[in-house]
Structures are given as structure tokens and as C-alpha cells.
Amino acid sequence: MQFDYQHLLNPHFHPGSRVWVYQSNRLFTLSEAFEIEDLLKEFTTTWKSHGTPVKGEAHLFFGQFVILLADETATGVSGCSTDSSVRLVKNIEERFGVNMFDRMALAFIIKEKIQLLPLSQLQYAAANGFITPDTLYFNNLVQTKEELETNWIIPVKESWLSKKINFTPITSHDNG
């Protein structure tokens, strides 16, 4: 799987444009992905903040991540316009039977595929070599276009997870 995405982002958006990342608990089918792309396009063409159009864009990346961007150099995003984007994502959840708000599910690239791992199993996965300090991790906490371009897919050792994981392998004791 190819994990390049930066070229798909609008180069005319300010680097400080706000970003929201929503991760699905499963890969969307091709037909679902086409439907979602249509929903996202429809949303961004009608997205408003206090009646003023929002300079926004939305993407479905890797069939699993909905990314919303708002360039606030054009129009600030208000609470109401943010609420409308959350309603869009909740609509996607209901329509396709997915969870887009589970912040305890972490996404990694393992053997060229996106794999989800519950936060509660992170230490087990590290101790057993399923993830390493160099395993690529989707840092869905990015908040700006610049962070999305440079810090969204990063090695675990460069993420906040590095402080939570001990990569010492589990060794068996020989009682010979």
C-alpha cells in the first residue's frame, strides 16, 4: 500500500489551517468510499461559519481516515461550523455502521497494512515485537495542515507513545 498523501492536500491552504482526523474502526469498502467522498465533497461545498463559506476540504485517506481541513485565514471556524462537521462524521458512523470516535484504538502500519491496536494492548504488542520503535504510527492528534504533512505518520519513537511503551522483549526463564 502506498502511504503518500501530502500531494493530495490543497497547496493554497495556509500551513496553520485547522485539521481534524477521524479514524474508522474498519476499512471502508470501495462503494462505501465513493459514497463517503461524495458526502465529504457536498459538505465542504456547503460548509459555513455564521453564514460565510468556510474555505475547507475533506478527504478519505487510505479508506479509513476522514480528514477535514479549514483554512481560517479566509473564514474562522465557529462552534456551530465545528458542530456541523461532527454531525457529518456521526452521519458516516450511522450510515456505514462504524466507530469514528474511538480514541483508544491506535493505528499502525504493519507489513504494509493499517492495523488497529487497542491502547490497552500497546505494551503487550511492544514486548512481543509486534511493534517496534520504528513502526509507523498514525498520530491523529495533529491539529494543523503543517502537522498533518509532517507529523501524521511517524515512527512510534517520535510520538507520544514512546513515553508509554517499554520495548524490552519478554524473555522466558529457563528453570532447567
N, C-alpha and C. Protein backbone atom coordinates (compact mmCIF):
# COMPACT_ATOMS: atom_id res chain seq x y z
N MET A 1 0.85 -1.18 0.00
CA MET A 1 0.00 0.00 0.00
C MET A 1 0.89 1.24 0.00
N GLN A 2 0.53 2.23 -0.77
CA GLN A 2 1.26 3.48 -0.85
C GLN A 2 0.74 4.44 0.22
N PHE A 3 1.64 5.02 1.00
CA PHE A 3 1.21 5.89 2.10
C PHE A 3 1.57 7.36 1.88
N ASP A 4 1.71 7.76 0.62
CA ASP A 4 1.91 9.17 0.30
C ASP A 4 0.54 9.84 0.22
N TYR A 5 0.41 10.99 0.79
CA TYR A 5 -0.87 11.69 0.79
C TYR A 5 -0.70 13.21 0.68
N GLN A 6 0.49 13.72 0.99
CA GLN A 6 0.70 15.16 1.06
C GLN A 6 0.33 15.87 -0.25
N HIS A 7 0.61 15.22 -1.38
CA HIS A 7 0.31 15.84 -2.67
C HIS A 7 -1.19 16.00 -2.92
N LEU A 8 -2.02 15.34 -2.13
CA LEU A 8 -3.47 15.44 -2.28
C LEU A 8 -4.05 16.65 -1.53
N LEU A 9 -3.25 17.25 -0.66
CA LEU A 9 -3.72 18.40 0.11
C LEU A 9 -3.60 19.67 -0.74
N ASN A 10 -4.54 20.56 -0.57
CA ASN A 10 -4.56 21.80 -1.34
C ASN A 10 -3.34 22.66 -0.99
N PRO A 11 -2.47 22.92 -1.96
CA PRO A 11 -1.27 23.71 -1.67
C PRO A 11 -1.58 25.17 -1.35
N HIS A 12 -2.81 25.62 -1.65
CA HIS A 12 -3.19 27.00 -1.40
C HIS A 12 -3.76 27.21 0.01
N PHE A 13 -3.81 26.14 0.79
CA PHE A 13 -4.27 26.27 2.18
C PHE A 13 -3.07 26.68 3.04
N HIS A 14 -3.31 27.56 3.99
CA HIS A 14 -2.28 28.04 4.91
C HIS A 14 -1.75 26.86 5.74
N PRO A 15 -0.44 26.83 6.04
CA PRO A 15 0.12 25.74 6.87
C PRO A 15 -0.55 25.63 8.24
N GLY A 16 -1.09 26.74 8.74
CA GLY A 16 -1.77 26.71 10.04
C GLY A 16 -3.24 26.35 9.96
N SER A 17 -3.72 25.94 8.79
CA SER A 17 -5.13 25.53 8.65
C SER A 17 -5.45 24.46 9.66
N ARG A 18 -6.65 24.56 10.26
CA ARG A 18 -7.05 23.58 11.28
C ARG A 18 -7.37 22.24 10.64
N VAL A 19 -7.03 21.18 11.37
CA VAL A 19 -7.23 19.82 10.89
C VAL A 19 -7.93 18.99 11.94
N TRP A 20 -8.84 18.14 11.47
CA TRP A 20 -9.50 17.14 12.32
C TRP A 20 -9.33 15.80 11.64
N VAL A 21 -8.88 14.81 12.40
CA VAL A 21 -8.68 13.46 11.88
C VAL A 21 -9.64 12.51 12.59
N TYR A 22 -10.41 11.79 11.80
CA TYR A 22 -11.34 10.79 12.33
C TYR A 22 -10.96 9.44 11.74
N GLN A 23 -10.74 8.47 12.59
CA GLN A 23 -10.29 7.14 12.17
C GLN A 23 -11.44 6.15 12.32
N SER A 24 -11.73 5.45 11.25
CA SER A 24 -12.75 4.41 11.29
C SER A 24 -12.18 3.15 11.93
N ASN A 25 -13.06 2.40 12.58
CA ASN A 25 -12.60 1.14 13.19
C ASN A 25 -12.47 0.02 12.17
N ARG A 26 -12.73 0.32 10.91
CA ARG A 26 -12.52 -0.66 9.85
C ARG A 26 -12.31 0.05 8.52
N LEU A 27 -11.75 -0.67 7.59
CA LEU A 27 -11.56 -0.18 6.23
C LEU A 27 -12.93 -0.11 5.55
N PHE A 28 -13.18 0.98 4.84
CA PHE A 28 -14.43 1.08 4.09
C PHE A 28 -14.31 0.29 2.79
N THR A 29 -15.43 -0.26 2.33
CA THR A 29 -15.43 -0.94 1.03
C THR A 29 -15.29 0.13 -0.05
N LEU A 30 -15.01 -0.29 -1.25
CA LEU A 30 -14.85 0.66 -2.35
C LEU A 30 -16.13 1.47 -2.58
N SER A 31 -17.27 0.80 -2.58
CA SER A 31 -18.53 1.53 -2.81
C SER A 31 -18.81 2.49 -1.66
N GLU A 32 -18.51 2.09 -0.42
CA GLU A 32 -18.69 3.00 0.72
C GLU A 32 -17.76 4.20 0.58
N ALA A 33 -16.53 3.95 0.14
CA ALA A 33 -15.55 5.03 -0.01
C ALA A 33 -16.03 6.06 -1.03
N PHE A 34 -16.60 5.59 -2.14
CA PHE A 34 -17.14 6.53 -3.13
C PHE A 34 -18.28 7.36 -2.55
N GLU A 35 -19.15 6.71 -1.79
CA GLU A 35 -20.26 7.43 -1.15
C GLU A 35 -19.74 8.46 -0.16
N ILE A 36 -18.75 8.08 0.62
CA ILE A 36 -18.17 8.99 1.62
C ILE A 36 -17.51 10.17 0.94
N GLU A 37 -16.78 9.91 -0.14
CA GLU A 37 -16.14 11.01 -0.90
C GLU A 37 -17.21 12.00 -1.36
N ASP A 38 -18.36 11.50 -1.83
CA ASP A 38 -19.45 12.39 -2.24
C ASP A 38 -19.99 13.19 -1.07
N LEU A 39 -20.16 12.54 0.09
CA LEU A 39 -20.65 13.24 1.29
C LEU A 39 -19.67 14.33 1.70
N LEU A 40 -18.39 14.03 1.65
CA LEU A 40 -17.37 15.00 2.05
C LEU A 40 -17.34 16.20 1.10
N LYS A 41 -17.45 15.91 -0.19
CA LYS A 41 -17.44 16.99 -1.19
C LYS A 41 -18.67 17.88 -1.00
N GLU A 42 -19.83 17.25 -0.81
CA GLU A 42 -21.06 18.00 -0.59
C GLU A 42 -20.95 18.87 0.66
N PHE A 43 -20.38 18.29 1.73
CA PHE A 43 -20.23 19.03 2.98
C PHE A 43 -19.34 20.26 2.81
N THR A 44 -18.16 20.06 2.21
CA THR A 44 -17.21 21.18 2.12
C THR A 44 -17.71 22.29 1.19
N THR A 45 -18.52 21.94 0.21
CA THR A 45 -19.04 23.00 -0.68
C THR A 45 -20.15 23.81 -0.01
N THR A 46 -20.74 23.27 1.05
CA THR A 46 -21.81 24.00 1.75
C THR A 46 -21.43 24.39 3.18
N TRP A 47 -20.19 24.10 3.61
CA TRP A 47 -19.73 24.38 4.98
C TRP A 47 -19.70 25.88 5.21
N LYS A 48 -20.40 26.32 6.26
CA LYS A 48 -20.47 27.75 6.55
C LYS A 48 -20.17 28.01 8.02
N SER A 49 -19.66 29.21 8.28
CA SER A 49 -19.45 29.70 9.64
C SER A 49 -20.17 31.04 9.74
N HIS A 50 -21.23 31.09 10.51
CA HIS A 50 -22.05 32.30 10.65
C HIS A 50 -22.46 32.85 9.28
N GLY A 51 -22.86 31.94 8.38
CA GLY A 51 -23.36 32.33 7.07
C GLY A 51 -22.29 32.55 6.01
N THR A 52 -21.02 32.57 6.42
CA THR A 52 -19.92 32.79 5.47
C THR A 52 -19.31 31.44 5.11
N PRO A 53 -19.09 31.18 3.82
CA PRO A 53 -18.49 29.90 3.42
C PRO A 53 -17.12 29.69 4.07
N VAL A 54 -16.90 28.47 4.53
CA VAL A 54 -15.61 28.07 5.10
C VAL A 54 -14.73 27.58 3.95
N LYS A 55 -13.49 28.04 3.92
CA LYS A 55 -12.52 27.52 2.95
C LYS A 55 -12.07 26.18 3.53
N GLY A 56 -12.75 25.13 3.10
CA GLY A 56 -12.49 23.82 3.67
C GLY A 56 -12.29 22.76 2.62
N GLU A 57 -11.68 21.68 3.04
CA GLU A 57 -11.57 20.50 2.19
C GLU A 57 -11.64 19.28 3.08
N ALA A 58 -12.00 18.16 2.47
CA ALA A 58 -12.12 16.91 3.22
C ALA A 58 -11.64 15.77 2.34
N HIS A 59 -11.05 14.79 3.00
CA HIS A 59 -10.50 13.63 2.28
C HIS A 59 -10.83 12.36 3.03
N LEU A 60 -10.88 11.28 2.29
CA LEU A 60 -10.89 9.94 2.87
C LEU A 60 -9.56 9.34 2.48
N PHE A 61 -8.65 9.24 3.44
CA PHE A 61 -7.32 8.71 3.17
C PHE A 61 -7.23 7.25 3.58
N PHE A 62 -6.61 6.47 2.70
CA PHE A 62 -6.33 5.05 2.95
C PHE A 62 -7.58 4.26 3.29
N GLY A 63 -8.75 4.74 2.83
CA GLY A 63 -10.01 4.03 3.01
C GLY A 63 -10.46 3.93 4.45
N GLN A 64 -9.82 4.72 5.35
CA GLN A 64 -10.12 4.55 6.77
C GLN A 64 -10.09 5.85 7.58
N PHE A 65 -9.51 6.92 7.05
CA PHE A 65 -9.36 8.16 7.80
C PHE A 65 -10.08 9.31 7.09
N VAL A 66 -11.02 9.95 7.80
CA VAL A 66 -11.67 11.14 7.29
C VAL A 66 -10.88 12.33 7.84
N ILE A 67 -10.39 13.16 6.92
CA ILE A 67 -9.59 14.33 7.27
C ILE A 67 -10.35 15.58 6.84
N LEU A 68 -10.58 16.48 7.78
CA LEU A 68 -11.21 17.76 7.47
C LEU A 68 -10.19 18.87 7.71
N LEU A 69 -10.15 19.83 6.78
CA LEU A 69 -9.27 20.98 6.92
C LEU A 69 -10.08 22.25 6.73
N ALA A 70 -9.74 23.27 7.52
CA ALA A 70 -10.37 24.58 7.37
C ALA A 70 -9.27 25.63 7.41
N ASP A 71 -9.17 26.39 6.33
CA ASP A 71 -8.19 27.48 6.24
C ASP A 71 -8.82 28.71 6.86
N GLU A 72 -8.44 29.00 8.09
CA GLU A 72 -9.07 30.10 8.83
C GLU A 72 -8.50 31.47 8.47
N THR A 73 -7.56 31.52 7.53
CA THR A 73 -7.13 32.84 7.05
C THR A 73 -8.24 33.45 6.21
N ALA A 74 -9.13 32.61 5.70
CA ALA A 74 -10.27 33.08 4.91
C ALA A 74 -11.47 33.35 5.82
N THR A 75 -11.88 32.35 6.59
CA THR A 75 -13.03 32.45 7.49
C THR A 75 -12.73 31.63 8.74
N GLY A 76 -12.93 32.22 9.90
CA GLY A 76 -12.76 31.49 11.14
C GLY A 76 -13.84 30.43 11.29
N VAL A 77 -13.49 29.34 11.94
CA VAL A 77 -14.46 28.26 12.16
C VAL A 77 -15.06 28.44 13.55
N SER A 78 -16.37 28.58 13.59
CA SER A 78 -17.08 28.79 14.85
C SER A 78 -17.50 27.46 15.46
N GLY A 79 -18.04 27.54 16.65
CA GLY A 79 -18.56 26.34 17.30
C GLY A 79 -19.64 25.66 16.48
N CYS A 80 -20.50 26.46 15.86
CA CYS A 80 -21.59 25.90 15.05
C CYS A 80 -21.05 25.17 13.81
N SER A 81 -20.03 25.76 13.18
CA SER A 81 -19.48 25.11 11.98
C SER A 81 -18.70 23.85 12.36
N THR A 82 -18.07 23.86 13.53
CA THR A 82 -17.40 22.65 14.02
C THR A 82 -18.45 21.58 14.33
N ASP A 83 -19.56 22.00 14.97
CA ASP A 83 -20.64 21.06 15.26
C ASP A 83 -21.18 20.41 13.98
N SER A 84 -21.28 21.20 12.91
CA SER A 84 -21.80 20.63 11.66
C SER A 84 -20.83 19.57 11.11
N SER A 85 -19.53 19.77 11.30
CA SER A 85 -18.57 18.76 10.82
C SER A 85 -18.67 17.49 11.67
N VAL A 86 -18.91 17.64 12.95
CA VAL A 86 -19.08 16.47 13.83
C VAL A 86 -20.36 15.72 13.44
N ARG A 87 -21.41 16.47 13.09
CA ARG A 87 -22.65 15.81 12.63
C ARG A 87 -22.39 15.00 11.35
N LEU A 88 -21.58 15.54 10.46
CA LEU A 88 -21.21 14.82 9.24
C LEU A 88 -20.55 13.48 9.59
N VAL A 89 -19.60 13.51 10.51
CA VAL A 89 -18.88 12.28 10.87
C VAL A 89 -19.82 11.31 11.59
N LYS A 90 -20.70 11.82 12.43
CA LYS A 90 -21.69 10.95 13.10
C LYS A 90 -22.62 10.32 12.06
N ASN A 91 -22.97 11.07 11.03
CA ASN A 91 -23.79 10.54 9.94
C ASN A 91 -23.07 9.39 9.24
N ILE A 92 -21.77 9.57 9.00
CA ILE A 92 -20.98 8.49 8.37
C ILE A 92 -20.98 7.27 9.28
N GLU A 93 -20.82 7.48 10.58
CA GLU A 93 -20.85 6.36 11.54
C GLU A 93 -22.15 5.57 11.43
N GLU A 94 -23.27 6.29 11.48
CA GLU A 94 -24.58 5.63 11.46
C GLU A 94 -24.84 4.96 10.12
N ARG A 95 -24.52 5.64 9.04
CA ARG A 95 -24.81 5.14 7.71
C ARG A 95 -24.03 3.88 7.37
N PHE A 96 -22.78 3.79 7.85
CA PHE A 96 -21.91 2.68 7.47
C PHE A 96 -21.58 1.73 8.62
N GLY A 97 -22.19 1.95 9.78
CA GLY A 97 -22.01 1.05 10.91
C GLY A 97 -20.57 0.96 11.40
N VAL A 98 -19.93 2.14 11.54
CA VAL A 98 -18.54 2.19 12.00
C VAL A 98 -18.43 3.08 13.23
N ASN A 99 -17.29 3.01 13.90
CA ASN A 99 -17.00 3.92 15.00
C ASN A 99 -15.88 4.84 14.54
N MET A 100 -16.14 6.15 14.56
CA MET A 100 -15.15 7.14 14.11
C MET A 100 -14.59 7.97 15.28
N PHE A 101 -15.04 7.65 16.51
CA PHE A 101 -14.63 8.47 17.66
C PHE A 101 -13.90 7.67 18.74
N ASP A 102 -13.42 6.49 18.42
CA ASP A 102 -12.73 5.67 19.42
C ASP A 102 -11.27 6.08 19.49
N ARG A 103 -10.94 6.93 20.45
CA ARG A 103 -9.57 7.43 20.59
C ARG A 103 -8.65 6.41 21.29
N MET A 104 -9.21 5.29 21.73
CA MET A 104 -8.40 4.25 22.37
C MET A 104 -7.87 3.24 21.36
N ALA A 105 -8.32 3.32 20.11
CA ALA A 105 -7.82 2.44 19.05
C ALA A 105 -6.71 3.18 18.30
N LEU A 106 -5.54 2.60 18.31
CA LEU A 106 -4.37 3.21 17.68
C LEU A 106 -4.09 2.53 16.36
N ALA A 107 -3.67 3.32 15.36
CA ALA A 107 -3.42 2.77 14.03
C ALA A 107 -1.92 2.77 13.73
N PHE A 108 -1.46 1.64 13.22
CA PHE A 108 -0.06 1.45 12.86
C PHE A 108 0.03 0.88 11.46
N ILE A 109 1.18 1.05 10.83
CA ILE A 109 1.44 0.39 9.56
C ILE A 109 2.33 -0.81 9.88
N ILE A 110 1.75 -1.99 9.71
CA ILE A 110 2.46 -3.23 9.99
C ILE A 110 2.35 -4.11 8.75
N LYS A 111 3.50 -4.50 8.21
CA LYS A 111 3.56 -5.30 6.98
C LYS A 111 2.75 -4.65 5.86
N GLU A 112 2.97 -3.34 5.67
CA GLU A 112 2.34 -2.56 4.60
C GLU A 112 0.82 -2.47 4.69
N LYS A 113 0.26 -2.76 5.87
CA LYS A 113 -1.19 -2.63 6.08
C LYS A 113 -1.45 -1.82 7.33
N ILE A 114 -2.61 -1.18 7.34
CA ILE A 114 -3.02 -0.45 8.55
C ILE A 114 -3.63 -1.45 9.52
N GLN A 115 -3.08 -1.48 10.71
CA GLN A 115 -3.56 -2.38 11.77
C GLN A 115 -3.97 -1.54 12.96
N LEU A 116 -5.13 -1.83 13.54
CA LEU A 116 -5.59 -1.13 14.74
C LEU A 116 -5.25 -1.96 15.97
N LEU A 117 -4.87 -1.25 17.01
CA LEU A 117 -4.49 -1.90 18.26
C LEU A 117 -5.11 -1.11 19.41
N PRO A 118 -5.81 -1.78 20.32
CA PRO A 118 -6.35 -1.05 21.48
C PRO A 118 -5.19 -0.53 22.34
N LEU A 119 -5.34 0.67 22.85
CA LEU A 119 -4.31 1.25 23.71
C LEU A 119 -3.94 0.30 24.84
N SER A 120 -4.92 -0.43 25.36
CA SER A 120 -4.68 -1.35 26.48
C SER A 120 -3.73 -2.50 26.12
N GLN A 121 -3.56 -2.78 24.82
CA GLN A 121 -2.68 -3.87 24.40
C GLN A 121 -1.34 -3.38 23.84
N LEU A 122 -1.09 -2.09 23.99
CA LEU A 122 0.12 -1.49 23.43
C LEU A 122 1.39 -2.11 24.01
N GLN A 123 1.48 -2.20 25.32
CA GLN A 123 2.69 -2.74 25.96
C GLN A 123 2.91 -4.20 25.56
N TYR A 124 1.84 -4.98 25.52
CA TYR A 124 1.95 -6.38 25.10
C TYR A 124 2.50 -6.47 23.67
N ALA A 125 1.98 -5.64 22.79
CA ALA A 125 2.43 -5.65 21.39
C ALA A 125 3.91 -5.28 21.27
N ALA A 126 4.34 -4.32 22.08
CA ALA A 126 5.75 -3.91 22.06
C ALA A 126 6.65 -5.00 22.64
N ALA A 127 6.24 -5.56 23.75
CA ALA A 127 7.05 -6.58 24.42
C ALA A 127 7.20 -7.85 23.57
N ASN A 128 6.22 -8.09 22.71
CA ASN A 128 6.25 -9.29 21.87
C ASN A 128 6.71 -9.01 20.44
N GLY A 129 7.21 -7.82 20.21
CA GLY A 129 7.81 -7.49 18.92
C GLY A 129 6.83 -7.20 17.78
N PHE A 130 5.54 -7.06 18.09
CA PHE A 130 4.57 -6.73 17.04
C PHE A 130 4.76 -5.29 16.56
N ILE A 131 5.14 -4.42 17.51
CA ILE A 131 5.51 -3.06 17.13
C ILE A 131 6.89 -2.77 17.71
N THR A 132 7.64 -1.94 17.00
CA THR A 132 8.99 -1.57 17.41
C THR A 132 9.07 -0.04 17.46
N PRO A 133 10.17 0.51 17.93
CA PRO A 133 10.30 1.97 17.93
C PRO A 133 10.18 2.57 16.52
N ASP A 134 10.49 1.79 15.49
CA ASP A 134 10.44 2.29 14.11
C ASP A 134 9.12 2.01 13.40
N THR A 135 8.21 1.30 14.04
CA THR A 135 6.89 1.05 13.44
C THR A 135 6.20 2.39 13.21
N LEU A 136 5.61 2.55 12.03
CA LEU A 136 4.91 3.80 11.72
C LEU A 136 3.55 3.85 12.40
N TYR A 137 3.26 5.00 12.97
CA TYR A 137 2.05 5.23 13.76
C TYR A 137 1.31 6.43 13.20
N PHE A 138 -0.03 6.33 13.17
CA PHE A 138 -0.88 7.44 12.74
C PHE A 138 -1.17 8.33 13.95
N ASN A 139 -0.52 9.46 13.99
CA ASN A 139 -0.68 10.42 15.08
C ASN A 139 -1.89 11.31 14.79
N ASN A 140 -3.06 10.83 15.15
CA ASN A 140 -4.31 11.53 14.84
C ASN A 140 -4.52 12.78 15.67
N LEU A 141 -3.55 13.13 16.50
CA LEU A 141 -3.64 14.34 17.32
C LEU A 141 -3.15 15.59 16.59
N VAL A 142 -2.71 15.44 15.34
CA VAL A 142 -2.25 16.62 14.59
C VAL A 142 -3.38 17.63 14.50
N GLN A 143 -3.01 18.92 14.53
CA GLN A 143 -4.04 19.97 14.59
C GLN A 143 -3.97 20.97 13.45
N THR A 144 -2.86 20.96 12.68
CA THR A 144 -2.72 21.91 11.58
C THR A 144 -2.33 21.18 10.30
N LYS A 145 -2.49 21.86 9.18
CA LYS A 145 -2.09 21.28 7.90
C LYS A 145 -0.61 20.94 7.91
N GLU A 146 0.20 21.83 8.45
CA GLU A 146 1.64 21.57 8.51
C GLU A 146 1.95 20.31 9.33
N GLU A 147 1.29 20.14 10.48
CA GLU A 147 1.48 18.93 11.28
C GLU A 147 0.99 17.70 10.53
N LEU A 148 -0.13 17.84 9.81
CA LEU A 148 -0.65 16.72 9.03
C LEU A 148 0.38 16.28 7.99
N GLU A 149 1.03 17.25 7.36
CA GLU A 149 2.01 16.93 6.32
C GLU A 149 3.29 16.32 6.87
N THR A 150 3.68 16.70 8.09
CA THR A 150 4.98 16.27 8.60
C THR A 150 4.93 15.32 9.79
N ASN A 151 3.84 15.31 10.56
CA ASN A 151 3.81 14.53 11.80
C ASN A 151 2.62 13.60 11.95
N TRP A 152 1.93 13.31 10.85
CA TRP A 152 0.78 12.41 10.97
C TRP A 152 1.24 10.96 10.99
N ILE A 153 2.03 10.56 10.04
CA ILE A 153 2.54 9.18 10.00
C ILE A 153 4.01 9.25 10.41
N ILE A 154 4.27 8.82 11.63
CA ILE A 154 5.62 8.95 12.20
C ILE A 154 6.02 7.66 12.92
N PRO A 155 7.32 7.43 13.09
CA PRO A 155 7.75 6.28 13.87
C PRO A 155 7.26 6.42 15.32
N VAL A 156 6.93 5.29 15.93
CA VAL A 156 6.46 5.28 17.32
C VAL A 156 7.43 6.05 18.22
N LYS A 157 8.75 5.90 17.98
CA LYS A 157 9.74 6.54 18.85
C LYS A 157 9.67 8.07 18.81
N GLU A 158 9.02 8.64 17.78
CA GLU A 158 8.87 10.10 17.68
C GLU A 158 7.51 10.58 18.15
N SER A 159 6.69 9.67 18.66
CA SER A 159 5.33 10.02 19.06
C SER A 159 5.20 10.04 20.58
N TRP A 160 4.05 10.48 21.05
CA TRP A 160 3.75 10.49 22.48
C TRP A 160 3.74 9.07 23.06
N LEU A 161 3.56 8.08 22.19
CA LEU A 161 3.53 6.69 22.66
C LEU A 161 4.87 6.24 23.23
N SER A 162 5.96 6.85 22.77
CA SER A 162 7.30 6.42 23.21
C SER A 162 7.45 6.53 24.73
N LYS A 163 6.71 7.44 25.35
CA LYS A 163 6.78 7.60 26.81
C LYS A 163 5.94 6.55 27.54
N LYS A 164 5.09 5.86 26.81
CA LYS A 164 4.18 4.89 27.42
C LYS A 164 4.63 3.44 27.24
N ILE A 165 5.64 3.23 26.37
CA ILE A 165 6.00 1.86 26.00
C ILE A 165 7.40 1.52 26.46
N ASN A 166 7.54 0.31 26.97
CA ASN A 166 8.86 -0.27 27.25
C ASN A 166 9.07 -1.33 26.18
N PHE A 167 10.10 -1.16 25.36
CA PHE A 167 10.33 -2.09 24.26
C PHE A 167 11.21 -3.29 24.63
N THR A 168 11.42 -3.51 25.91
CA THR A 168 12.21 -4.66 26.33
C THR A 168 11.41 -5.93 26.06
N PRO A 169 11.98 -6.86 25.28
CA PRO A 169 11.22 -8.08 24.97
C PRO A 169 11.01 -8.95 26.20
N ILE A 170 9.91 -9.69 26.16
CA ILE A 170 9.62 -10.65 27.21
C ILE A 170 10.57 -11.83 27.00
N THR A 171 11.26 -12.22 28.06
CA THR A 171 12.15 -13.38 27.96
C THR A 171 11.62 -14.47 28.87
N SER A 172 11.78 -15.69 28.41
CA SER A 172 11.34 -16.82 29.25
C SER A 172 12.52 -17.22 30.13
N HIS A 173 12.21 -17.62 31.32
CA HIS A 173 13.25 -18.03 32.27
C HIS A 173 13.41 -19.55 32.18
N ASP A 174 14.61 -19.99 32.04
CA ASP A 174 14.90 -21.42 31.95
C ASP A 174 15.07 -21.99 33.33
N ASN A 175 14.17 -22.86 33.72
CA ASN A 175 14.23 -23.46 35.05
C ASN A 175 14.92 -24.81 35.02
N GLY A 176 15.63 -25.10 33.90
CA GLY A 176 16.34 -26.31 33.60
C GLY A 176 16.74 -27.09 34.73
